Amino acid sequence: MTTPPPAPTGDHADAGHGDHADAGHGQLRAEEREPAGKALDRTRLLAARYRAAKLRPYLASAMYALSVVPSWHLSTMGVDRYWRLYVNPDFVGSHPVEELAGVWVHEVAHLLRDHHGRAARLRDADRDDRLRLNLAQDCEINDDLLEDGLPLPAGRVEPSMFGLPAGRVFEEYLAGIPHSRTIHVQCGSGAHGMPVAGELGADGAPGVRDVEAGAIRRQTADAIRGHARGRGSVPGGWLRWADSVAEPVIDWRRRLTGALRQAVVWASGAVDYTYARPGRRSGALRGVVLPSLRQPLPRVAIVVDTSGSMGDDELSACLAEVTGVLRAVGIRGNRVTVLACDADVQAVTRVSRADQVQLSGGGGTDMRVGIERARRGPEPPNIIVVLTDGLTPWPDEPTNCRVIAGLIGSDPPDTPPWIEAVHITDT
């Protein structure tokens, strides 16, 4: 989605979010980002967000998660990967609220669709040409916005400009985008993933972390599907995106859920007898009370790798998934123990929610210590779940309980064959 900057010169007409700063050569000075005597019309900008949220309520939570940063390093609006929205005050002052609402939707679409993450998986030649990449990404977004009837500024990028069909993703559009410098777009590192001069970076103003961004995407996908099931209409591109979020290509959540459910069934087989409820055959034998079979709930220990190589955000997200599955199968409270472990066990807690866990540690890594501590506790578990990046030694022999390893990272080491491994690649 694009618009020309004021008074374009030469053959660099800006059909995107124009940026004629010398990107990639450090941050601009404060006086370059905010010229004296000019201020952002926040009333107009926030009125545009309100209008966009009212018209497209399924995107409201995502748009309100963006932090606004006035800046002159680009000529329109753009985003970084930390969900900061950079806004040129001149651009806001020269466009009506109706068009600015479309720009809000356009920019948050880059982040919801994880354009910077997807760009990082491209081959170097495609990833390094951020102009061409940004054009393809704008094509993916703007055909949906136009189908949705949202007003957009003049000069917007759309697939028909390049003779391409609507309804494709940017990876498909990329091959049809020419290597040309006649169109200049800049939607920020939140789109193409490359550093941009003038952005605040990881240590700048408050932003959204990767784990939080994942939660926003899932919430938005649910809202889109709910809106589509009601009386509202949703463009096909948004529906396809929502379905892809609900069913990722590598659905580790489903695998983890299946592994835990299977382990619970395995550990809670009807093997104990009880007289608390007489057996069904007692009525056939006068004066004789037969016991019934009891199906006990298993106890679960979760060993969390808190060594220096693990991030708290990723661990918290994984722990929330595990405790959610356990609650779903009826296991919670005093039947779930969490052990924080690096090279030694740092904390042991009984929990009912993931946010009750203290993830202390930061030293070396030896999950054998956590597994052994769990096994030798006063109430040994039937199931042990280990959340780790896999950079740890494992016990030499199988334990007397089921062990499931949730391996966090893109390429974790192999585990022993008696450990059931689930590769967690998207937290």
Protein backbone atom coordinates (compact mmCIF):
# COMPACT_ATOMS: atom_id res chain seq x y z
CA MET A 1 0.00 0.00 0.00
CA THR A 2 1.59 3.20 -1.04
CA THR A 3 1.39 6.82 -1.84
CA PRO A 4 3.78 9.25 -3.57
CA PRO A 5 5.79 11.55 -1.31
CA PRO A 6 5.33 15.30 -1.76
CA ALA A 7 6.93 16.49 -5.00
CA PRO A 8 8.76 13.35 -6.19
CA THR A 9 11.83 13.97 -8.27
CA GLY A 10 13.59 12.05 -11.02
CA ASP A 11 12.36 8.56 -11.82
CA HIS A 12 11.91 7.52 -8.19
CA ALA A 13 8.17 7.98 -7.90
CA ASP A 14 7.13 6.60 -4.53
CA ALA A 15 4.28 4.16 -5.11
CA GLY A 16 4.79 2.73 -1.65
CA HIS A 17 5.61 4.01 1.77
CA GLY A 18 8.33 6.23 0.39
CA ASP A 19 11.70 6.37 2.04
CA HIS A 20 14.51 8.43 0.57
CA ALA A 21 16.66 8.40 3.71
CA ASP A 22 20.01 6.65 3.53
CA ALA A 23 18.73 3.44 5.16
CA GLY A 24 21.23 1.06 6.65
CA HIS A 25 23.78 3.66 7.82
CA GLY A 26 22.85 4.08 11.48
CA GLN A 27 19.99 5.91 13.15
CA LEU A 28 19.08 9.42 12.12
CA ARG A 29 19.69 12.22 14.60
CA ALA A 30 16.69 13.39 16.62
CA GLU A 31 16.55 16.71 14.77
CA GLU A 32 16.39 14.81 11.46
CA ARG A 33 13.50 12.68 12.68
CA GLU A 34 11.55 15.60 14.18
CA PRO A 35 12.19 18.95 12.48
CA ALA A 36 11.56 21.93 14.72
CA GLY A 37 8.12 23.49 14.58
CA LYS A 38 6.32 20.40 13.28
CA ALA A 39 4.17 18.08 15.36
CA LEU A 40 2.14 14.96 14.75
CA ASP A 41 -1.62 15.47 14.58
CA ARG A 42 -2.40 12.64 17.00
CA THR A 43 -6.10 13.45 17.02
CA ARG A 44 -6.34 12.76 13.29
CA LEU A 45 -4.11 9.68 13.49
CA LEU A 46 -6.00 8.10 16.40
CA ALA A 47 -9.34 8.97 14.83
CA ALA A 48 -8.17 6.97 11.82
CA ARG A 49 -7.32 4.01 14.06
CA TYR A 50 -10.74 4.23 15.71
CA ARG A 51 -12.40 4.26 12.30
CA ALA A 52 -10.36 1.28 11.11
CA ALA A 53 -11.18 -0.70 14.28
CA LYS A 54 -14.87 0.13 13.96
CA LEU A 55 -14.99 -0.91 10.31
CA ARG A 56 -12.82 -4.03 10.78
CA PRO A 57 -13.37 -5.09 14.42
CA TYR A 58 -11.49 -8.36 13.98
CA LEU A 59 -8.27 -6.34 13.54
CA ALA A 60 -8.88 -3.98 16.48
CA SER A 61 -6.73 -5.76 19.10
CA ALA A 62 -3.77 -5.89 16.73
CA MET A 63 -4.01 -2.22 15.76
CA TYR A 64 -4.26 -1.11 19.39
CA ALA A 65 -1.11 -3.12 20.17
CA LEU A 66 0.96 -0.80 17.95
CA SER A 67 3.03 1.95 19.59
CA VAL A 68 3.09 5.25 17.68
CA VAL A 69 6.48 6.88 17.06
CA PRO A 70 6.59 10.24 15.18
CA SER A 71 9.50 10.13 12.73
CA TRP A 72 10.83 11.66 9.52
CA HIS A 73 12.99 8.72 8.43
CA LEU A 74 10.26 7.73 5.96
CA SER A 75 7.73 9.78 4.03
CA THR A 76 4.54 7.95 5.06
CA MET A 77 4.06 5.22 7.70
CA GLY A 78 5.91 1.99 8.47
CA VAL A 79 6.47 -0.61 11.17
CA ASP A 80 9.36 -2.42 12.79
CA ARG A 81 9.32 -6.00 14.04
CA TYR A 82 8.63 -4.78 17.60
CA TRP A 83 5.18 -3.48 16.63
CA ARG A 84 6.14 0.18 16.59
CA LEU A 85 4.33 2.31 14.02
CA TYR A 86 6.55 5.08 12.63
CA VAL A 87 4.52 8.02 11.37
CA ASN A 88 5.58 11.02 9.29
CA PRO A 89 3.54 13.99 10.64
CA ASP A 90 3.42 15.64 7.21
CA PHE A 91 1.83 12.52 5.75
CA VAL A 92 -0.82 12.42 8.48
CA GLY A 93 -1.60 16.11 8.00
CA SER A 94 -2.05 15.78 4.23
CA HIS A 95 -4.41 12.76 4.11
CA PRO A 96 -8.03 12.34 5.22
CA VAL A 97 -8.98 10.10 8.12
CA GLU A 98 -10.63 7.60 5.74
CA GLU A 99 -7.37 6.96 3.88
CA LEU A 100 -5.29 6.89 7.05
CA ALA A 101 -7.59 4.17 8.38
CA GLY A 102 -6.62 2.03 5.38
CA VAL A 103 -2.94 2.66 6.11
CA TRP A 104 -3.42 1.47 9.72
CA VAL A 105 -4.86 -1.80 8.38
CA HIS A 106 -2.09 -2.10 5.80
CA GLU A 107 0.74 -1.67 8.31
CA VAL A 108 -0.65 -4.03 10.93
CA ALA A 109 -1.18 -6.60 8.17
CA HIS A 110 2.61 -6.74 7.64
CA LEU A 111 3.03 -7.76 11.29
CA LEU A 112 0.04 -10.08 11.57
CA ARG A 113 1.17 -11.98 8.49
CA ASP A 114 4.71 -12.17 9.90
CA HIS A 115 6.24 -10.73 6.75
CA HIS A 116 9.64 -10.13 8.38
CA GLY A 117 9.73 -13.72 9.68
CA ARG A 118 8.75 -15.17 6.33
CA ALA A 119 11.29 -12.93 4.56
CA ALA A 120 14.05 -14.35 6.74
CA ARG A 121 13.37 -17.80 5.27
CA LEU A 122 13.92 -16.66 1.68
CA ARG A 123 17.13 -17.23 -0.23
CA ASP A 124 19.68 -14.41 0.14
CA ALA A 125 19.15 -12.95 -3.34
CA ASP A 126 15.44 -12.37 -2.73
CA ARG A 127 15.83 -11.26 0.88
CA ASP A 128 18.55 -8.69 0.23
CA ASP A 129 16.55 -6.76 -2.39
CA ARG A 130 14.16 -5.22 0.11
CA LEU A 131 12.57 -2.87 -2.44
CA ARG A 132 11.37 -5.76 -4.60
CA LEU A 133 10.44 -7.78 -1.50
CA ASN A 134 8.40 -4.92 -0.05
CA LEU A 135 6.55 -4.50 -3.34
CA ALA A 136 5.56 -8.18 -3.32
CA GLN A 137 4.38 -7.89 0.29
CA ASP A 138 2.29 -4.82 -0.53
CA CYS A 139 0.68 -6.75 -3.38
CA GLU A 140 -0.30 -9.53 -0.95
CA ILE A 141 -1.95 -7.05 1.41
CA ASN A 142 -3.53 -4.50 -0.89
CA ASP A 143 -5.58 -6.86 -3.03
CA ASP A 144 -7.42 -7.84 0.18
CA LEU A 145 -7.87 -4.22 1.26
CA LEU A 146 -9.25 -3.25 -2.13
CA GLU A 147 -11.59 -6.25 -2.13
CA ASP A 148 -12.71 -5.09 1.31
CA GLY A 149 -13.56 -1.64 -0.03
CA LEU A 150 -11.09 0.28 2.15
CA PRO A 151 -10.03 3.67 0.73
CA LEU A 152 -6.27 3.84 0.16
CA PRO A 153 -4.00 6.75 -0.79
CA ALA A 154 -3.30 7.36 -4.45
CA GLY A 155 -0.39 5.51 -6.02
CA ARG A 156 -0.94 2.32 -4.04
CA VAL A 157 0.79 -0.87 -5.13
CA GLU A 158 -1.43 -3.72 -6.32
CA PRO A 159 -0.79 -6.94 -8.29
CA SER A 160 -2.35 -5.63 -11.52
CA MET A 161 0.47 -3.04 -11.78
CA PHE A 162 2.78 -5.94 -12.63
CA GLY A 163 0.28 -8.02 -14.57
CA LEU A 164 -0.14 -10.42 -11.64
CA PRO A 165 -3.37 -12.05 -10.40
CA ALA A 166 -4.95 -11.17 -7.08
CA GLY A 167 -5.18 -13.54 -4.13
CA ARG A 168 -1.56 -14.75 -3.92
CA VAL A 169 1.03 -14.58 -1.14
CA PHE A 170 4.14 -12.44 -1.48
CA GLU A 171 6.44 -15.45 -2.00
CA GLU A 172 4.46 -16.20 -5.19
CA TYR A 173 4.40 -12.56 -6.30
CA LEU A 174 8.14 -12.12 -5.86
CA ALA A 175 9.10 -13.83 -9.13
CA GLY A 176 6.83 -11.45 -11.06
CA ILE A 177 8.17 -8.23 -9.51
CA PRO A 178 10.82 -6.68 -11.80
CA HIS A 179 14.19 -5.49 -10.53
CA SER A 180 13.36 -1.83 -11.01
CA ARG A 181 14.17 1.39 -9.21
CA THR A 182 11.26 3.36 -10.65
CA ILE A 183 9.06 2.54 -7.65
CA HIS A 184 10.38 3.07 -4.14
CA VAL A 185 8.55 1.66 -1.11
CA GLN A 186 9.45 1.50 2.55
CA CYS A 187 7.15 -0.18 5.05
CA GLY A 188 9.98 -0.74 7.53
CA SER A 189 11.79 -3.73 8.98
CA GLY A 190 8.46 -5.13 10.17
CA ALA A 191 7.84 -5.89 6.50
CA HIS A 192 11.09 -6.82 4.74
CA GLY A 193 13.11 -7.62 7.89
CA MET A 194 16.17 -5.52 7.00
CA PRO A 195 17.52 -2.79 9.35
CA VAL A 196 16.24 0.70 8.58
CA ALA A 197 17.92 3.93 9.65
CA GLY A 198 15.72 5.86 12.05
CA GLU A 199 14.08 2.85 13.71
CA LEU A 200 14.61 2.44 17.44
CA GLY A 201 15.83 -1.17 17.44
CA ALA A 202 15.50 -3.83 20.12
CA ASP A 203 16.45 -1.50 22.99
CA GLY A 204 14.27 1.43 21.97
CA ALA A 205 10.78 2.41 23.06
CA PRO A 206 8.52 -0.31 24.51
CA GLY A 207 7.46 -2.85 21.94
CA VAL A 208 5.81 -6.23 21.53
CA ARG A 209 7.89 -9.36 22.13
CA ASP A 210 7.78 -12.36 19.81
CA VAL A 211 5.70 -14.45 22.22
CA GLU A 212 3.17 -11.65 22.62
CA ALA A 213 3.07 -11.18 18.85
CA GLY A 214 2.21 -14.86 18.45
CA ALA A 215 -0.66 -14.49 20.91
CA ILE A 216 -1.96 -11.42 19.04
CA ARG A 217 -1.87 -13.33 15.75
CA ARG A 218 -3.81 -16.28 17.20
CA GLN A 219 -6.37 -13.97 18.82
CA THR A 220 -6.84 -12.08 15.56
CA ALA A 221 -7.19 -15.31 13.57
CA ASP A 222 -9.91 -16.46 15.98
CA ALA A 223 -11.68 -13.10 15.63
CA ILE A 224 -11.57 -13.34 11.82
CA ARG A 225 -13.08 -16.82 11.81
CA GLY A 226 -15.73 -15.75 14.30
CA HIS A 227 -16.60 -12.71 12.19
CA ALA A 228 -16.87 -14.88 9.08
CA ARG A 229 -19.19 -17.32 10.87
CA GLY A 230 -21.48 -14.42 11.80
CA ARG A 231 -23.08 -11.97 9.45
CA GLY A 232 -19.88 -10.17 8.52
CA SER A 233 -17.84 -10.71 5.39
CA VAL A 234 -14.06 -11.16 5.39
CA PRO A 235 -11.76 -10.99 2.33
CA GLY A 236 -10.51 -14.36 1.16
CA GLY A 237 -6.88 -13.50 1.88
CA TRP A 238 -7.60 -12.82 5.54
CA LEU A 239 -9.56 -16.06 5.85
CA ARG A 240 -6.72 -18.07 4.30
CA TRP A 241 -4.27 -16.39 6.69
CA ALA A 242 -6.49 -17.14 9.71
CA ASP A 243 -6.73 -20.80 8.70
CA SER A 244 -2.94 -21.02 8.35
CA VAL A 245 -2.51 -19.65 11.87
CA ALA A 246 -5.01 -22.14 13.24
CA GLU A 247 -3.35 -25.07 11.47
CA PRO A 248 0.40 -24.41 11.07
CA VAL A 249 2.41 -26.51 8.68
CA ILE A 250 4.30 -28.06 11.60
CA ASP A 251 1.56 -28.41 14.20
CA TRP A 252 3.66 -29.17 17.25
CA ARG A 253 0.79 -28.23 19.58
CA ARG A 254 -1.30 -31.06 18.19
CA ARG A 255 1.62 -33.47 18.51
CA LEU A 256 2.28 -32.37 22.07
CA THR A 257 -1.40 -32.70 22.94
CA GLY A 258 -1.51 -36.18 21.42
CA ALA A 259 1.62 -37.30 23.25
CA LEU A 260 0.34 -36.06 26.60
CA ARG A 261 -3.12 -37.54 26.16
CA GLN A 262 -1.64 -40.89 25.17
CA ALA A 263 0.68 -40.81 28.16
CA VAL A 264 -2.22 -40.02 30.50
CA VAL A 265 -4.22 -42.95 29.13
CA TRP A 266 -1.19 -45.20 29.44
CA ALA A 267 -0.50 -44.14 33.05
CA SER A 268 -4.11 -44.14 34.26
CA GLY A 269 -5.13 -47.63 33.18
CA ALA A 270 -7.68 -49.37 35.42
CA VAL A 271 -5.23 -51.36 37.54
CA ASP A 272 -6.22 -50.59 41.14
CA TYR A 273 -9.10 -52.11 43.12
CA THR A 274 -11.31 -50.14 45.49
CA TYR A 275 -14.20 -50.96 47.84
CA ALA A 276 -15.36 -47.33 47.87
CA ARG A 277 -17.70 -48.30 45.04
CA PRO A 278 -18.77 -51.98 44.95
CA GLY A 279 -18.29 -53.88 41.72
CA ARG A 280 -21.23 -54.35 39.37
CA ARG A 281 -21.27 -58.14 39.99
CA SER A 282 -21.80 -57.80 43.76
CA GLY A 283 -25.57 -57.89 43.31
CA ALA A 284 -25.38 -61.41 41.88
CA LEU A 285 -23.60 -62.77 44.99
CA ARG A 286 -25.72 -62.50 48.14
CA GLY A 287 -23.64 -61.35 51.13
CA VAL A 288 -20.47 -60.81 49.08
CA VAL A 289 -19.06 -57.37 48.25
CA LEU A 290 -16.70 -57.33 45.29
CA PRO A 291 -14.31 -54.43 44.65
CA SER A 292 -14.43 -52.35 41.49
CA LEU A 293 -11.55 -51.27 39.29
CA ARG A 294 -10.35 -47.73 39.89
CA GLN A 295 -8.81 -45.51 37.22
CA PRO A 296 -6.34 -43.26 39.04
CA LEU A 297 -5.22 -39.91 37.67
CA PRO A 298 -1.47 -39.89 37.05
CA ARG A 299 0.95 -37.41 38.57
CA VAL A 300 2.96 -35.24 36.18
CA ALA A 301 6.34 -33.56 36.65
CA ILE A 302 7.43 -30.80 34.26
CA VAL A 303 11.20 -30.24 34.21
CA VAL A 304 11.95 -26.80 32.74
CA ASP A 305 15.44 -26.07 31.40
CA THR A 306 16.38 -22.66 32.86
CA SER A 307 20.00 -22.68 31.74
CA GLY A 308 21.61 -19.68 30.07
CA SER A 309 20.73 -20.88 26.56
CA MET A 310 16.98 -20.75 27.17
CA GLY A 311 14.75 -17.66 26.92
CA ASP A 312 12.03 -17.00 29.49
CA ASP A 313 9.50 -15.94 26.83
CA GLU A 314 9.77 -19.22 24.93
CA LEU A 315 9.69 -21.27 28.12
CA SER A 316 6.64 -19.45 29.44
CA ALA A 317 4.78 -20.03 26.18
CA CYS A 318 5.63 -23.75 26.14
CA LEU A 319 4.72 -24.15 29.80
CA ALA A 320 1.36 -22.53 29.14
CA GLU A 321 0.72 -25.05 26.35
CA VAL A 322 1.59 -28.01 28.58
CA THR A 323 -0.49 -26.89 31.55
CA GLY A 324 -3.39 -26.14 29.19
CA VAL A 325 -3.33 -29.69 27.85
CA LEU A 326 -3.12 -31.15 31.35
CA ARG A 327 -6.12 -29.11 32.47
CA ALA A 328 -8.03 -30.35 29.44
CA VAL A 329 -7.49 -33.98 30.46
CA GLY A 330 -8.41 -33.27 34.08
CA ILE A 331 -4.95 -33.04 35.65
CA ARG A 332 -4.13 -29.92 37.63
CA GLY A 333 -3.33 -28.62 41.08
CA ASN A 334 -1.40 -30.94 43.36
CA ARG A 335 -0.93 -33.49 40.59
CA VAL A 336 1.41 -31.21 38.59
CA THR A 337 4.91 -30.38 39.86
CA VAL A 338 7.26 -28.01 38.03
CA LEU A 339 11.01 -28.21 38.55
CA ALA A 340 13.22 -25.34 37.35
CA CYS A 341 16.59 -26.88 36.50
CA ASP A 342 19.87 -25.82 34.93
CA ALA A 343 22.83 -27.88 36.18
CA ASP A 344 20.93 -28.31 39.45
CA VAL A 345 17.32 -28.10 40.55
CA GLN A 346 16.62 -24.47 41.46
CA ALA A 347 12.95 -24.60 42.46
CA VAL A 348 10.15 -27.12 42.88
CA THR A 349 6.53 -25.92 42.91
CA ARG A 350 3.05 -27.39 42.71
CA VAL A 351 1.07 -25.32 40.23
CA SER A 352 -2.35 -24.96 38.68
CA ARG A 353 -1.39 -22.16 36.25
CA ALA A 354 1.76 -21.47 34.23
CA ASP A 355 2.13 -17.95 35.66
CA GLN A 356 2.69 -19.41 39.15
CA VAL A 357 6.07 -20.84 38.12
CA GLN A 358 9.33 -19.12 39.02
CA LEU A 359 11.84 -19.81 36.23
CA SER A 360 15.11 -19.32 38.10
CA GLY A 361 18.51 -20.52 36.94
CA GLY A 362 20.91 -19.44 34.23
CA GLY A 363 23.85 -21.78 34.70
CA GLY A 364 24.89 -24.96 32.87
CA THR A 365 22.54 -27.64 31.59
CA ASP A 366 21.89 -31.15 32.93
CA MET A 367 18.31 -32.35 32.68
CA ARG A 368 19.31 -35.70 34.25
CA VAL A 369 19.37 -33.92 37.61
CA GLY A 370 15.80 -32.67 37.19
CA ILE A 371 14.50 -36.03 35.97
CA GLU A 372 16.14 -37.88 38.88
CA ARG A 373 14.85 -35.34 41.42
CA ALA A 374 11.33 -35.75 40.06
CA ARG A 375 11.54 -39.56 40.19
CA ARG A 376 12.79 -39.60 43.78
CA GLY A 377 10.27 -37.13 45.18
CA PRO A 378 7.78 -38.08 47.91
CA GLU A 379 5.13 -38.75 45.24
CA PRO A 380 6.92 -40.05 42.11
CA PRO A 381 5.33 -38.99 38.81
CA ASN A 382 3.90 -41.29 36.17
CA ILE A 383 4.78 -38.82 33.39
CA ILE A 384 7.76 -36.46 33.11
CA VAL A 385 7.71 -33.63 30.55
CA VAL A 386 11.07 -31.95 29.86
CA LEU A 387 11.10 -28.53 28.15
CA THR A 388 14.61 -27.88 26.82
CA ASP A 389 16.65 -26.92 23.77
CA GLY A 390 18.15 -30.42 23.90
CA LEU A 391 21.69 -29.28 24.68
CA THR A 392 21.87 -31.56 27.69
CA PRO A 393 22.99 -35.08 28.64
CA TRP A 394 20.16 -37.59 29.09
CA PRO A 395 19.88 -40.62 31.41
CA ASP A 396 21.65 -43.69 30.05
CA GLU A 397 18.71 -46.01 30.64
CA PRO A 398 14.92 -45.70 30.46
CA THR A 399 13.17 -44.53 33.62
CA ASN A 400 10.21 -46.29 35.23
CA CYS A 401 7.85 -43.57 33.94
CA ARG A 402 6.95 -42.04 30.57
CA VAL A 403 9.27 -39.20 29.46
CA ILE A 404 8.22 -36.62 26.84
CA ALA A 405 10.78 -34.04 25.68
CA GLY A 406 9.53 -30.74 24.25
CA LEU A 407 12.57 -29.63 22.23
CA ILE A 408 12.65 -25.87 21.65
CA GLY A 409 14.55 -24.56 18.63
CA SER A 410 14.95 -25.10 14.90
CA ASP A 411 17.51 -27.94 15.00
CA PRO A 412 17.71 -29.63 18.43
CA PRO A 413 20.00 -32.63 18.98
CA ASP A 414 18.58 -36.14 18.94
CA THR A 415 17.27 -37.69 22.15
CA PRO A 416 17.56 -41.34 23.25
CA PRO A 417 15.03 -43.56 21.47
CA TRP A 418 13.06 -44.26 24.66
CA ILE A 419 12.23 -40.55 25.06
CA GLU A 420 9.26 -39.29 23.03
CA ALA A 421 10.48 -36.06 21.38
CA VAL A 422 8.23 -33.27 20.14
CA HIS A 423 10.03 -30.49 18.23
CA ILE A 424 8.64 -27.12 19.28
CA THR A 425 9.53 -24.73 16.48
CA ASP A 426 6.96 -21.92 16.92
CA THR A 427 6.21 -20.64 20.39
